[in-house]
Full PDB file with SEQRES, HELIX, SHEET, SSBOND, CRYST1, ORIGX, SCALE, CONECT and MASTER records, all heavy atoms in Angstrom:
SEQRES   1 A   33  ASN LEU SER ASP GLY GLY GLU ASP ALA VAL THR ILE ARG          
SEQRES   2 A   33  GLU PHE ASP LEU PRO THR LYS ALA PHE VAL LYS GLY GLY          
SEQRES   3 A   33  PHE SER LEU PRO LYS GLY LYS                                  
SHEET    1 AA1 2 VAL A  10  ARG A  13  0                                        
SHEET    2 AA1 2 SER A  28  GLY A  32 -1                                        
SHEET    1 AA2 2 PHE A  15  ASP A  16  0                                        
SHEET    2 AA2 2 ALA A  21  PHE A  22 -1                                        
CRYST1    1.000    1.000    1.000  90.00  90.00  90.00 P 1           1          
ORIGX1      1.000000  0.000000  0.000000        0.00000                         
ORIGX2      0.000000  1.000000  0.000000        0.00000                         
ORIGX3      0.000000  0.000000  1.000000        0.00000                         
SCALE1      1.000000  0.000000  0.000000        0.00000                         
SCALE2      0.000000  1.000000  0.000000        0.00000                         
SCALE3      0.000000  0.000000  1.000000        0.00000                         
ATOM      1  N   ASN A   1      23.821  24.973  85.720  1.00  0.00           N  
ATOM      2  CA  ASN A   1      23.449  26.441  85.533  1.00  0.00           C  
ATOM      3  C   ASN A   1      23.047  26.751  84.139  1.00  0.00           C  
ATOM      4  O   ASN A   1      23.905  26.576  83.210  1.00  0.00           O  
ATOM      5  CB  ASN A   1      24.521  27.285  86.084  1.00  0.00           C  
ATOM      6  CG  ASN A   1      24.710  27.212  87.507  1.00  0.00           C  
ATOM      7  OD1 ASN A   1      24.197  28.028  88.317  1.00  0.00           O  
ATOM      8  ND2 ASN A   1      25.415  26.308  87.998  1.00  0.00           N  
ATOM      9  N   LEU A   2      21.732  27.161  83.946  1.00  0.00           N  
ATOM     10  CA  LEU A   2      21.338  27.389  82.535  1.00  0.00           C  
ATOM     11  C   LEU A   2      20.849  28.838  82.489  1.00  0.00           C  
ATOM     12  O   LEU A   2      20.112  29.308  83.333  1.00  0.00           O  
ATOM     13  CB  LEU A   2      20.103  26.432  82.136  1.00  0.00           C  
ATOM     14  CG  LEU A   2      20.536  25.107  82.219  1.00  0.00           C  
ATOM     15  CD1 LEU A   2      19.309  24.108  81.994  1.00  0.00           C  
ATOM     16  CD2 LEU A   2      21.560  24.696  81.035  1.00  0.00           C  
ATOM     17  N   SER A   3      21.294  29.560  81.406  1.00  0.00           N  
ATOM     18  CA  SER A   3      20.872  30.933  81.267  1.00  0.00           C  
ATOM     19  C   SER A   3      19.886  31.130  80.070  1.00  0.00           C  
ATOM     20  O   SER A   3      20.115  30.495  79.026  1.00  0.00           O  
ATOM     21  CB  SER A   3      22.157  31.880  81.062  1.00  0.00           C  
ATOM     22  OG  SER A   3      21.794  33.063  80.438  1.00  0.00           O  
ATOM     23  N   ASP A   4      19.050  32.047  80.200  1.00  0.00           N  
ATOM     24  CA  ASP A   4      18.205  32.423  79.036  1.00  0.00           C  
ATOM     25  C   ASP A   4      18.839  33.484  78.173  1.00  0.00           C  
ATOM     26  O   ASP A   4      18.966  34.585  78.440  1.00  0.00           O  
ATOM     27  CB  ASP A   4      16.959  33.007  79.727  1.00  0.00           C  
ATOM     28  CG  ASP A   4      15.940  33.499  78.464  1.00  0.00           C  
ATOM     29  OD1 ASP A   4      16.193  33.400  77.365  1.00  0.00           O  
ATOM     30  OD2 ASP A   4      14.909  34.126  78.884  1.00  0.00           O  
ATOM     31  N   GLY A   5      19.435  32.989  77.099  1.00  0.00           N  
ATOM     32  CA  GLY A   5      20.137  33.811  76.185  1.00  0.00           C  
ATOM     33  C   GLY A   5      21.449  34.432  76.482  1.00  0.00           C  
ATOM     34  O   GLY A   5      21.911  35.285  75.788  1.00  0.00           O  
ATOM     35  N   GLY A   6      21.917  34.005  77.504  1.00  0.00           N  
ATOM     36  CA  GLY A   6      23.295  34.484  78.078  1.00  0.00           C  
ATOM     37  C   GLY A   6      23.342  35.382  79.175  1.00  0.00           C  
ATOM     38  O   GLY A   6      24.481  35.794  79.492  1.00  0.00           O  
ATOM     39  N   GLU A   7      22.210  35.590  79.778  1.00  0.00           N  
ATOM     40  CA  GLU A   7      22.101  36.544  81.007  1.00  0.00           C  
ATOM     41  C   GLU A   7      23.040  35.883  82.190  1.00  0.00           C  
ATOM     42  O   GLU A   7      23.101  34.725  82.215  1.00  0.00           O  
ATOM     43  CB  GLU A   7      20.606  36.658  81.406  1.00  0.00           C  
ATOM     44  CG  GLU A   7      19.683  37.355  80.471  1.00  0.00           C  
ATOM     45  CD  GLU A   7      18.336  37.421  80.951  1.00  0.00           C  
ATOM     46  OE1 GLU A   7      17.854  36.493  81.672  1.00  0.00           O  
ATOM     47  OE2 GLU A   7      17.535  38.244  80.548  1.00  0.00           O  
ATOM     48  N   ASP A   8      23.339  36.836  82.953  1.00  0.00           N  
ATOM     49  CA  ASP A   8      23.850  36.421  84.314  1.00  0.00           C  
ATOM     50  C   ASP A   8      22.965  35.676  85.118  1.00  0.00           C  
ATOM     51  O   ASP A   8      23.382  34.714  85.865  1.00  0.00           O  
ATOM     52  CB  ASP A   8      24.514  37.461  85.078  1.00  0.00           C  
ATOM     53  CG  ASP A   8      25.877  37.999  84.396  1.00  0.00           C  
ATOM     54  OD1 ASP A   8      26.366  37.444  83.512  1.00  0.00           O  
ATOM     55  OD2 ASP A   8      26.326  39.084  85.021  1.00  0.00           O  
ATOM     56  N   ALA A   9      21.684  35.984  84.979  1.00  0.00           N  
ATOM     57  CA  ALA A   9      20.598  35.266  85.799  1.00  0.00           C  
ATOM     58  C   ALA A   9      20.582  33.918  85.242  1.00  0.00           C  
ATOM     59  O   ALA A   9      20.557  33.649  83.986  1.00  0.00           O  
ATOM     60  CB  ALA A   9      19.219  35.896  85.724  1.00  0.00           C  
ATOM     61  N   VAL A  10      20.340  32.890  86.245  1.00  0.00           N  
ATOM     62  CA  VAL A  10      20.413  31.450  85.770  1.00  0.00           C  
ATOM     63  C   VAL A  10      19.278  30.781  86.485  1.00  0.00           C  
ATOM     64  O   VAL A  10      18.868  31.048  87.540  1.00  0.00           O  
ATOM     65  CB  VAL A  10      21.695  30.756  86.089  1.00  0.00           C  
ATOM     66  CG1 VAL A  10      22.945  31.319  85.313  1.00  0.00           C  
ATOM     67  CG2 VAL A  10      22.145  30.856  87.570  1.00  0.00           C  
ATOM     68  N   THR A  11      18.900  29.542  85.884  1.00  0.00           N  
ATOM     69  CA  THR A  11      18.066  28.520  86.466  1.00  0.00           C  
ATOM     70  C   THR A  11      18.916  27.470  86.901  1.00  0.00           C  
ATOM     71  O   THR A  11      19.871  27.131  85.945  1.00  0.00           O  
ATOM     72  CB  THR A  11      17.099  28.009  85.438  1.00  0.00           C  
ATOM     73  OG1 THR A  11      16.205  29.120  84.942  1.00  0.00           O  
ATOM     74  CG2 THR A  11      16.293  26.875  86.077  1.00  0.00           C  
ATOM     75  N   ILE A  12      18.842  26.883  88.033  1.00  0.00           N  
ATOM     76  CA  ILE A  12      19.696  25.898  88.587  1.00  0.00           C  
ATOM     77  C   ILE A  12      18.971  24.542  88.776  1.00  0.00           C  
ATOM     78  O   ILE A  12      17.888  24.538  89.537  1.00  0.00           O  
ATOM     79  CB  ILE A  12      20.369  26.403  89.854  1.00  0.00           C  
ATOM     80  CG1 ILE A  12      21.127  27.680  89.718  1.00  0.00           C  
ATOM     81  CG2 ILE A  12      21.266  25.108  90.340  1.00  0.00           C  
ATOM     82  CD1 ILE A  12      21.813  28.202  90.883  1.00  0.00           C  
ATOM     83  N   ARG A  13      19.398  23.510  88.251  1.00  0.00           N  
ATOM     84  CA  ARG A  13      18.665  22.190  88.283  1.00  0.00           C  
ATOM     85  C   ARG A  13      19.697  21.093  88.605  1.00  0.00           C  
ATOM     86  O   ARG A  13      20.726  21.090  88.124  1.00  0.00           O  
ATOM     87  CB  ARG A  13      18.014  21.962  86.867  1.00  0.00           C  
ATOM     88  CG  ARG A  13      16.855  22.949  86.733  1.00  0.00           C  
ATOM     89  CD  ARG A  13      16.445  22.992  85.183  1.00  0.00           C  
ATOM     90  NE  ARG A  13      15.938  21.838  84.577  1.00  0.00           N  
ATOM     91  CZ  ARG A  13      15.470  21.681  83.481  1.00  0.00           C  
ATOM     92  NH1 ARG A  13      15.535  22.755  82.624  1.00  0.00           N  
ATOM     93  NH2 ARG A  13      15.022  20.550  83.016  1.00  0.00           N  
ATOM     94  N   GLU A  14      19.265  20.204  89.360  1.00  0.00           N  
ATOM     95  CA  GLU A  14      20.031  18.987  89.752  1.00  0.00           C  
ATOM     96  C   GLU A  14      20.044  18.073  88.659  1.00  0.00           C  
ATOM     97  O   GLU A  14      19.085  17.631  88.090  1.00  0.00           O  
ATOM     98  CB  GLU A  14      19.584  18.446  91.035  1.00  0.00           C  
ATOM     99  CG  GLU A  14      20.466  17.319  91.636  1.00  0.00           C  
ATOM    100  CD  GLU A  14      19.949  16.785  93.020  1.00  0.00           C  
ATOM    101  OE1 GLU A  14      18.870  17.127  93.367  1.00  0.00           O  
ATOM    102  OE2 GLU A  14      20.634  16.032  93.538  1.00  0.00           O  
ATOM    103  N   PHE A  15      21.338  17.569  88.452  1.00  0.00           N  
ATOM    104  CA  PHE A  15      21.569  16.495  87.321  1.00  0.00           C  
ATOM    105  C   PHE A  15      22.313  15.268  87.894  1.00  0.00           C  
ATOM    106  O   PHE A  15      23.231  15.461  88.768  1.00  0.00           O  
ATOM    107  CB  PHE A  15      22.419  17.188  86.366  1.00  0.00           C  
ATOM    108  CG  PHE A  15      22.562  16.362  85.089  1.00  0.00           C  
ATOM    109  CD1 PHE A  15      21.594  16.511  84.005  1.00  0.00           C  
ATOM    110  CD2 PHE A  15      23.733  15.551  84.662  1.00  0.00           C  
ATOM    111  CE1 PHE A  15      21.678  15.706  82.928  1.00  0.00           C  
ATOM    112  CE2 PHE A  15      23.660  14.800  83.613  1.00  0.00           C  
ATOM    113  CZ  PHE A  15      22.736  14.988  82.512  1.00  0.00           C  
ATOM    114  N   ASP A  16      21.902  14.110  87.355  1.00  0.00           N  
ATOM    115  CA  ASP A  16      22.478  12.923  87.901  1.00  0.00           C  
ATOM    116  C   ASP A  16      23.494  12.337  86.798  1.00  0.00           C  
ATOM    117  O   ASP A  16      23.074  12.036  85.693  1.00  0.00           O  
ATOM    118  CB  ASP A  16      21.466  11.861  88.206  1.00  0.00           C  
ATOM    119  CG  ASP A  16      21.954  10.461  88.756  1.00  0.00           C  
ATOM    120  OD1 ASP A  16      22.421  10.515  89.844  1.00  0.00           O  
ATOM    121  OD2 ASP A  16      21.925   9.412  88.001  1.00  0.00           O  
ATOM    122  N   LEU A  17      24.697  12.319  87.141  1.00  0.00           N  
ATOM    123  CA  LEU A  17      25.751  11.852  86.055  1.00  0.00           C  
ATOM    124  C   LEU A  17      25.604  10.335  85.694  1.00  0.00           C  
ATOM    125  O   LEU A  17      25.651  10.093  84.561  1.00  0.00           O  
ATOM    126  CB  LEU A  17      27.105  12.116  86.656  1.00  0.00           C  
ATOM    127  CG  LEU A  17      27.545  13.463  86.731  1.00  0.00           C  
ATOM    128  CD1 LEU A  17      28.996  13.699  87.289  1.00  0.00           C  
ATOM    129  CD2 LEU A  17      27.415  14.234  85.342  1.00  0.00           C  
ATOM    130  N   PRO A  18      25.342   9.439  86.596  1.00  0.00           N  
ATOM    131  CA  PRO A  18      25.169   7.968  86.218  1.00  0.00           C  
ATOM    132  C   PRO A  18      24.080   7.756  85.201  1.00  0.00           C  
ATOM    133  O   PRO A  18      24.227   7.040  84.188  1.00  0.00           O  
ATOM    134  CB  PRO A  18      25.111   7.191  87.373  1.00  0.00           C  
ATOM    135  CG  PRO A  18      25.698   8.042  88.489  1.00  0.00           C  
ATOM    136  CD  PRO A  18      25.431   9.453  88.084  1.00  0.00           C  
ATOM    137  N   THR A  19      22.927   8.459  85.381  1.00  0.00           N  
ATOM    138  CA  THR A  19      21.769   8.244  84.559  1.00  0.00           C  
ATOM    139  C   THR A  19      21.747   9.213  83.393  1.00  0.00           C  
ATOM    140  O   THR A  19      21.017   9.214  82.500  1.00  0.00           O  
ATOM    141  CB  THR A  19      20.459   8.268  85.319  1.00  0.00           C  
ATOM    142  OG1 THR A  19      20.372   9.581  85.917  1.00  0.00           O  
ATOM    143  CG2 THR A  19      20.435   7.220  86.332  1.00  0.00           C  
ATOM    144  N   LYS A  20      22.567  10.234  83.491  1.00  0.00           N  
ATOM    145  CA  LYS A  20      22.629  11.417  82.470  1.00  0.00           C  
ATOM    146  C   LYS A  20      21.224  12.070  82.321  1.00  0.00           C  
ATOM    147  O   LYS A  20      20.790  12.218  81.237  1.00  0.00           O  
ATOM    148  CB  LYS A  20      23.167  10.843  81.174  1.00  0.00           C  
ATOM    149  CG  LYS A  20      24.539  10.254  81.208  1.00  0.00           C  
ATOM    150  CD  LYS A  20      25.187   9.966  79.694  1.00  0.00           C  
ATOM    151  CE  LYS A  20      24.320   8.781  79.089  1.00  0.00           C  
ATOM    152  NZ  LYS A  20      24.961   8.394  77.987  1.00  0.00           N  
ATOM    153  N   ALA A  21      20.605  12.234  83.419  1.00  0.00           N  
ATOM    154  CA  ALA A  21      19.292  12.858  83.436  1.00  0.00           C  
ATOM    155  C   ALA A  21      19.086  13.913  84.662  1.00  0.00           C  
ATOM    156  O   ALA A  21      19.774  13.707  85.626  1.00  0.00           O  
ATOM    157  CB  ALA A  21      18.205  11.817  83.483  1.00  0.00           C  
ATOM    158  N   PHE A  22      18.289  14.824  84.523  1.00  0.00           N  
ATOM    159  CA  PHE A  22      17.964  15.676  85.555  1.00  0.00           C  
ATOM    160  C   PHE A  22      17.174  14.888  86.556  1.00  0.00           C  
ATOM    161  O   PHE A  22      16.413  13.902  86.294  1.00  0.00           O  
ATOM    162  CB  PHE A  22      17.021  16.753  85.101  1.00  0.00           C  
ATOM    163  CG  PHE A  22      17.760  18.004  84.323  1.00  0.00           C  
ATOM    164  CD1 PHE A  22      17.681  17.943  82.948  1.00  0.00           C  
ATOM    165  CD2 PHE A  22      18.643  18.772  84.947  1.00  0.00           C  
ATOM    166  CE1 PHE A  22      18.451  18.851  82.260  1.00  0.00           C  
ATOM    167  CE2 PHE A  22      19.317  19.730  84.179  1.00  0.00           C  
ATOM    168  CZ  PHE A  22      19.175  19.792  82.886  1.00  0.00           C  
ATOM    169  N   VAL A  23      17.325  15.183  87.890  1.00  0.00           N  
ATOM    170  CA  VAL A  23      16.801  14.427  88.897  1.00  0.00           C  
ATOM    171  C   VAL A  23      15.266  14.701  89.201  1.00  0.00           C  
ATOM    172  O   VAL A  23      14.954  15.868  89.358  1.00  0.00           O  
ATOM    173  CB  VAL A  23      17.599  14.646  90.231  1.00  0.00           C  
ATOM    174  CG1 VAL A  23      17.010  13.847  91.499  1.00  0.00           C  
ATOM    175  CG2 VAL A  23      19.050  14.315  90.007  1.00  0.00           C  
ATOM    176  N   LYS A  24      14.471  13.766  89.036  1.00  0.00           N  
ATOM    177  CA  LYS A  24      13.048  14.046  89.352  1.00  0.00           C  
ATOM    178  C   LYS A  24      12.871  14.283  90.634  1.00  0.00           C  
ATOM    179  O   LYS A  24      13.175  13.558  91.654  1.00  0.00           O  
ATOM    180  CB  LYS A  24      12.235  12.817  88.838  1.00  0.00           C  
ATOM    181  CG  LYS A  24      12.165  12.563  87.411  1.00  0.00           C  
ATOM    182  CD  LYS A  24      11.282  11.302  87.060  1.00  0.00           C  
ATOM    183  CE  LYS A  24      11.303  11.111  85.665  1.00  0.00           C  
ATOM    184  NZ  LYS A  24      10.507   9.967  85.175  1.00  0.00           N  
ATOM    185  N   GLY A  25      12.188  15.513  91.012  1.00  0.00           N  
ATOM    186  CA  GLY A  25      12.048  15.979  92.462  1.00  0.00           C  
ATOM    187  C   GLY A  25      13.228  16.456  93.059  1.00  0.00           C  
ATOM    188  O   GLY A  25      13.304  16.600  94.327  1.00  0.00           O  
ATOM    189  N   GLY A  26      14.330  16.607  92.173  1.00  0.00           N  
ATOM    190  CA  GLY A  26      15.644  17.044  92.791  1.00  0.00           C  
ATOM    191  C   GLY A  26      15.540  18.610  93.126  1.00  0.00           C  
ATOM    192  O   GLY A  26      14.596  19.203  92.853  1.00  0.00           O  
ATOM    193  N   PHE A  27      16.773  19.089  93.402  1.00  0.00           N  
ATOM    194  CA  PHE A  27      16.833  20.548  93.677  1.00  0.00           C  
ATOM    195  C   PHE A  27      16.592  21.348  92.291  1.00  0.00           C  
ATOM    196  O   PHE A  27      17.052  20.946  91.203  1.00  0.00           O  
ATOM    197  CB  PHE A  27      18.293  20.924  93.985  1.00  0.00           C  
ATOM    198  CG  PHE A  27      18.490  20.503  95.502  1.00  0.00           C  
ATOM    199  CD1 PHE A  27      19.455  19.372  95.706  1.00  0.00           C  
ATOM    200  CD2 PHE A  27      17.998  21.001  96.645  1.00  0.00           C  
ATOM    201  CE1 PHE A  27      19.735  19.070  96.968  1.00  0.00           C  
ATOM    202  CE2 PHE A  27      18.130  20.598  97.871  1.00  0.00           C  
ATOM    203  CZ  PHE A  27      19.061  19.686  98.018  1.00  0.00           C  
ATOM    204  N   SER A  28      15.587  22.346  92.352  1.00  0.00           N  
ATOM    205  CA  SER A  28      15.345  23.126  91.237  1.00  0.00           C  
ATOM    206  C   SER A  28      15.117  24.625  91.682  1.00  0.00           C  
ATOM    207  O   SER A  28      14.197  24.822  92.404  1.00  0.00           O  
ATOM    208  CB  SER A  28      14.317  22.489  90.494  1.00  0.00           C  
ATOM    209  OG  SER A  28      13.939  23.335  89.334  1.00  0.00           O  
ATOM    210  N   LEU A  29      15.970  25.389  91.262  1.00  0.00           N  
ATOM    211  CA  LEU A  29      15.812  26.864  91.602  1.00  0.00           C  
ATOM    212  C   LEU A  29      15.514  27.630  90.378  1.00  0.00           C  
ATOM    213  O   LEU A  29      16.254  27.680  89.382  1.00  0.00           O  
ATOM    214  CB  LEU A  29      17.169  27.383  92.095  1.00  0.00           C  
ATOM    215  CG  LEU A  29      17.885  26.480  93.273  1.00  0.00           C  
ATOM    216  CD1 LEU A  29      19.226  27.085  93.816  1.00  0.00           C  
ATOM    217  CD2 LEU A  29      16.810  26.397  94.451  1.00  0.00           C  
ATOM    218  N   PRO A  30      14.342  28.342  90.472  1.00  0.00           N  
ATOM    219  CA  PRO A  30      13.931  29.165  89.303  1.00  0.00           C  
ATOM    220  C   PRO A  30      14.890  30.310  88.943  1.00  0.00           C  
ATOM    221  O   PRO A  30      15.741  30.658  89.895  1.00  0.00           O  
ATOM    222  CB  PRO A  30      12.472  29.645  89.657  1.00  0.00           C  
ATOM    223  CG  PRO A  30      12.449  29.434  91.140  1.00  0.00           C  
ATOM    224  CD  PRO A  30      13.451  28.343  91.556  1.00  0.00           C  
ATOM    225  N   LYS A  31      14.691  30.889  87.830  1.00  0.00           N  
ATOM    226  CA  LYS A  31      15.635  31.850  87.328  1.00  0.00           C  
ATOM    227  C   LYS A  31      15.833  32.953  88.259  1.00  0.00           C  
ATOM    228  O   LYS A  31      14.870  33.535  88.823  1.00  0.00           O  
ATOM    229  CB  LYS A  31      15.098  32.513  86.045  1.00  0.00           C  
ATOM    230  CG  LYS A  31      15.877  33.518  85.333  1.00  0.00           C  
ATOM    231  CD  LYS A  31      15.163  34.034  84.088  1.00  0.00           C  
ATOM    232  CE  LYS A  31      15.882  35.217  83.578  1.00  0.00           C  
ATOM    233  NZ  LYS A  31      15.306  35.858  82.340  1.00  0.00           N  
ATOM    234  N   GLY A  32      17.074  33.431  88.421  1.00  0.00           N  
ATOM    235  CA  GLY A  32      17.387  34.592  89.186  1.00  0.00           C  
ATOM    236  C   GLY A  32      18.938  34.868  89.203  1.00  0.00           C  
ATOM    237  O   GLY A  32      19.782  33.962  88.879  1.00  0.00           O  
ATOM    238  N   LYS A  33      19.436  35.908  89.670  1.00  0.00           N  
ATOM    239  CA  LYS A  33      20.841  36.168  89.967  1.00  0.00           C  
ATOM    240  C   LYS A  33      21.058  35.551  91.207  1.00  0.00           C  
ATOM    241  O   LYS A  33      20.814  36.159  92.324  1.00  0.00           O  
ATOM    242  CB  LYS A  33      21.235  37.608  89.908  1.00  0.00           C  
ATOM    243  CG  LYS A  33      21.363  38.255  88.512  1.00  0.00           C  
ATOM    244  CD  LYS A  33      21.954  39.676  88.645  1.00  0.00           C  
ATOM    245  CE  LYS A  33      22.462  40.157  87.203  1.00  0.00           C  
ATOM    246  NZ  LYS A  33      23.036  41.532  87.416  1.00  0.00           N  
TER     247      LYS A  33                                                      
MASTER        0    0    0    0    4    0    0    6  246    1    0    3          
END                                                                             
């Protein structure tokens, strides 16, 4: 969950722990509460 400047609204992106990278084509939800 990533926020623009600290807002409650967030962007949500899927991350892979073994590769330490965001998942290409993975879950990605644009900014919103």
